[in-house]
Amino acid sequence: MEEVNFEKSMEQLEKIVQELEKGDLNLDDSIKKFEEGMKISKECNEFLENAEKKITVLINNNDNIEEEDF
């Protein structure tokens, strides 16, 4: 499985938002795009939460930069 790239996911999310804002899609397509956007948004949020946890672990190690699993 391909690793999720945060930047690419954000680009996809922006594209979906632009498509929805245009208003050219029918209701079914709009719902599908919205669902896809919500899935991508959730993935981005998980990525950010994991990054925050990793940073917290690094900072809380008495200023010694040691990486550990969380």
N, C-alpha and C. Protein backbone atom coordinates (compact mmCIF):
# COMPACT_ATOMS: atom_id res chain seq x y z
N MET A 1 0.84 -1.19 0.00
CA MET A 1 0.00 0.00 0.00
C MET A 1 0.88 1.25 0.00
N GLU A 2 0.53 2.22 -0.80
CA GLU A 2 1.32 3.44 -0.93
C GLU A 2 1.17 4.30 0.32
N GLU A 3 2.29 4.82 0.81
CA GLU A 3 2.27 5.68 1.98
C GLU A 3 1.54 6.98 1.64
N VAL A 4 0.71 7.43 2.58
CA VAL A 4 -0.04 8.65 2.37
C VAL A 4 0.90 9.85 2.47
N ASN A 5 0.88 10.69 1.47
CA ASN A 5 1.69 11.89 1.46
C ASN A 5 0.78 13.06 1.82
N PHE A 6 1.12 13.75 2.90
CA PHE A 6 0.27 14.82 3.41
C PHE A 6 0.04 15.90 2.36
N GLU A 7 1.11 16.33 1.71
CA GLU A 7 0.98 17.41 0.73
C GLU A 7 0.09 17.02 -0.45
N LYS A 8 0.27 15.80 -0.95
CA LYS A 8 -0.56 15.34 -2.06
C LYS A 8 -2.02 15.21 -1.63
N SER A 9 -2.23 14.76 -0.41
CA SER A 9 -3.59 14.64 0.10
C SER A 9 -4.25 16.02 0.20
N MET A 10 -3.50 17.00 0.66
CA MET A 10 -4.05 18.36 0.76
C MET A 10 -4.37 18.92 -0.63
N GLU A 11 -3.52 18.62 -1.62
CA GLU A 11 -3.79 19.05 -2.99
C GLU A 11 -5.08 18.43 -3.51
N GLN A 12 -5.27 17.13 -3.24
CA GLN A 12 -6.49 16.44 -3.66
C GLN A 12 -7.71 17.07 -2.99
N LEU A 13 -7.57 17.38 -1.71
CA LEU A 13 -8.67 17.97 -0.96
C LEU A 13 -9.02 19.35 -1.52
N GLU A 14 -8.02 20.14 -1.84
CA GLU A 14 -8.27 21.46 -2.44
C GLU A 14 -8.97 21.33 -3.79
N LYS A 15 -8.58 20.34 -4.59
CA LYS A 15 -9.21 20.13 -5.89
C LYS A 15 -10.70 19.77 -5.71
N ILE A 16 -10.97 18.93 -4.74
CA ILE A 16 -12.36 18.53 -4.47
C ILE A 16 -13.18 19.75 -4.05
N VAL A 17 -12.62 20.57 -3.18
CA VAL A 17 -13.32 21.77 -2.73
C VAL A 17 -13.63 22.68 -3.91
N GLN A 18 -12.66 22.85 -4.80
CA GLN A 18 -12.88 23.70 -5.97
C GLN A 18 -14.00 23.15 -6.85
N GLU A 19 -14.00 21.82 -7.03
CA GLU A 19 -15.05 21.20 -7.85
C GLU A 19 -16.42 21.41 -7.22
N LEU A 20 -16.49 21.27 -5.90
CA LEU A 20 -17.78 21.44 -5.23
C LEU A 20 -18.23 22.90 -5.26
N GLU A 21 -17.28 23.82 -5.14
CA GLU A 21 -17.63 25.24 -5.15
C GLU A 21 -18.13 25.71 -6.52
N LYS A 22 -17.66 25.07 -7.59
CA LYS A 22 -18.12 25.45 -8.93
C LYS A 22 -19.62 25.23 -9.08
N GLY A 23 -20.11 24.18 -8.47
CA GLY A 23 -21.54 23.90 -8.55
C GLY A 23 -21.96 23.21 -9.83
N ASP A 24 -21.01 22.70 -10.59
CA ASP A 24 -21.32 22.05 -11.87
C ASP A 24 -21.72 20.58 -11.72
N LEU A 25 -21.50 20.00 -10.56
CA LEU A 25 -21.75 18.57 -10.36
C LEU A 25 -23.22 18.34 -10.00
N ASN A 26 -23.73 17.19 -10.42
CA ASN A 26 -25.08 16.84 -9.98
C ASN A 26 -25.02 16.37 -8.52
N LEU A 27 -26.16 16.15 -7.93
CA LEU A 27 -26.22 15.82 -6.51
C LEU A 27 -25.44 14.56 -6.17
N ASP A 28 -25.60 13.50 -6.97
CA ASP A 28 -24.90 12.25 -6.69
C ASP A 28 -23.37 12.43 -6.73
N ASP A 29 -22.89 13.13 -7.74
CA ASP A 29 -21.45 13.37 -7.85
C ASP A 29 -20.95 14.27 -6.73
N SER A 30 -21.77 15.24 -6.35
CA SER A 30 -21.39 16.12 -5.24
C SER A 30 -21.25 15.33 -3.95
N ILE A 31 -22.17 14.42 -3.71
CA ILE A 31 -22.11 13.60 -2.50
C ILE A 31 -20.87 12.71 -2.52
N LYS A 32 -20.58 12.12 -3.67
CA LYS A 32 -19.38 11.27 -3.78
C LYS A 32 -18.11 12.08 -3.53
N LYS A 33 -18.05 13.28 -4.10
CA LYS A 33 -16.88 14.14 -3.88
C LYS A 33 -16.77 14.55 -2.42
N PHE A 34 -17.91 14.85 -1.80
CA PHE A 34 -17.91 15.23 -0.40
C PHE A 34 -17.40 14.08 0.47
N GLU A 35 -17.89 12.86 0.20
CA GLU A 35 -17.44 11.68 0.95
C GLU A 35 -15.94 11.46 0.77
N GLU A 36 -15.46 11.61 -0.46
CA GLU A 36 -14.03 11.46 -0.73
C GLU A 36 -13.23 12.52 0.03
N GLY A 37 -13.73 13.75 0.03
CA GLY A 37 -13.07 14.84 0.75
C GLY A 37 -13.02 14.58 2.24
N MET A 38 -14.10 14.05 2.80
CA MET A 38 -14.13 13.74 4.23
C MET A 38 -13.11 12.66 4.58
N LYS A 39 -12.98 11.66 3.71
CA LYS A 39 -12.01 10.59 3.94
C LYS A 39 -10.58 11.16 3.92
N ILE A 40 -10.29 12.00 2.94
CA ILE A 40 -8.96 12.59 2.84
C ILE A 40 -8.70 13.50 4.05
N SER A 41 -9.71 14.26 4.45
CA SER A 41 -9.59 15.15 5.60
C SER A 41 -9.25 14.34 6.86
N LYS A 42 -9.89 13.21 7.03
CA LYS A 42 -9.63 12.36 8.19
C LYS A 42 -8.19 11.84 8.16
N GLU A 43 -7.72 11.43 6.98
CA GLU A 43 -6.35 10.94 6.84
C GLU A 43 -5.34 12.04 7.18
N CYS A 44 -5.60 13.25 6.72
CA CYS A 44 -4.71 14.38 7.01
C CYS A 44 -4.70 14.68 8.50
N ASN A 45 -5.86 14.64 9.12
CA ASN A 45 -5.95 14.89 10.55
C ASN A 45 -5.16 13.84 11.34
N GLU A 46 -5.27 12.58 10.95
CA GLU A 46 -4.50 11.51 11.62
C GLU A 46 -3.01 11.73 11.44
N PHE A 47 -2.60 12.15 10.25
CA PHE A 47 -1.19 12.42 10.01
C PHE A 47 -0.70 13.53 10.94
N LEU A 48 -1.47 14.61 11.05
CA LEU A 48 -1.08 15.72 11.91
C LEU A 48 -1.05 15.32 13.38
N GLU A 49 -2.02 14.52 13.82
CA GLU A 49 -2.03 14.05 15.20
C GLU A 49 -0.79 13.20 15.50
N ASN A 50 -0.42 12.32 14.58
CA ASN A 50 0.77 11.49 14.77
C ASN A 50 2.04 12.33 14.81
N ALA A 51 2.10 13.34 13.95
CA ALA A 51 3.26 14.23 13.94
C ALA A 51 3.36 14.98 15.26
N GLU A 52 2.23 15.44 15.78
CA GLU A 52 2.21 16.16 17.06
C GLU A 52 2.68 15.25 18.20
N LYS A 53 2.23 14.01 18.20
CA LYS A 53 2.66 13.06 19.23
C LYS A 53 4.16 12.82 19.16
N LYS A 54 4.67 12.68 17.95
CA LYS A 54 6.10 12.44 17.78
C LYS A 54 6.91 13.63 18.28
N ILE A 55 6.46 14.83 17.96
CA ILE A 55 7.15 16.05 18.41
C ILE A 55 7.11 16.12 19.94
N THR A 56 5.97 15.81 20.53
CA THR A 56 5.84 15.84 21.98
C THR A 56 6.81 14.86 22.63
N VAL A 57 6.94 13.68 22.08
CA VAL A 57 7.87 12.68 22.62
C VAL A 57 9.30 13.22 22.53
N LEU A 58 9.64 13.82 21.42
CA LEU A 58 10.99 14.36 21.26
C LEU A 58 11.26 15.50 22.24
N ILE A 59 10.31 16.37 22.44
CA ILE A 59 10.50 17.51 23.33
C ILE A 59 10.56 17.07 24.79
N ASN A 60 9.78 16.10 25.17
CA ASN A 60 9.69 15.68 26.56
C ASN A 60 10.82 14.75 26.99
N ASN A 61 11.81 14.57 26.19
CA ASN A 61 12.92 13.70 26.54
C ASN A 61 14.09 14.50 27.11
N ASN A 62 13.79 15.43 28.01
CA ASN A 62 14.82 16.24 28.67
C ASN A 62 15.77 16.88 27.68
N ASP A 63 15.24 17.41 26.62
CA ASP A 63 16.01 18.08 25.59
C ASP A 63 17.02 17.18 24.88
N ASN A 64 17.01 15.89 25.18
CA ASN A 64 17.81 14.95 24.42
C ASN A 64 16.97 14.50 23.22
N ILE A 65 17.49 14.63 22.05
CA ILE A 65 16.72 14.25 20.88
C ILE A 65 16.84 12.75 20.68
N GLU A 66 15.83 12.07 21.18
CA GLU A 66 15.75 10.62 21.06
C GLU A 66 14.35 10.28 20.54
N GLU A 67 14.31 9.55 19.49
CA GLU A 67 13.03 9.17 18.93
C GLU A 67 12.58 7.87 19.57
N GLU A 68 11.32 7.81 19.94
CA GLU A 68 10.77 6.57 20.48
C GLU A 68 9.36 6.41 19.98
N ASP A 69 8.88 5.18 19.98
CA ASP A 69 7.52 4.92 19.53
C ASP A 69 6.53 5.45 20.55
N PHE A 70 5.37 5.86 20.06
CA PHE A 70 4.33 6.33 20.97
C PHE A 70 3.13 5.42 20.87
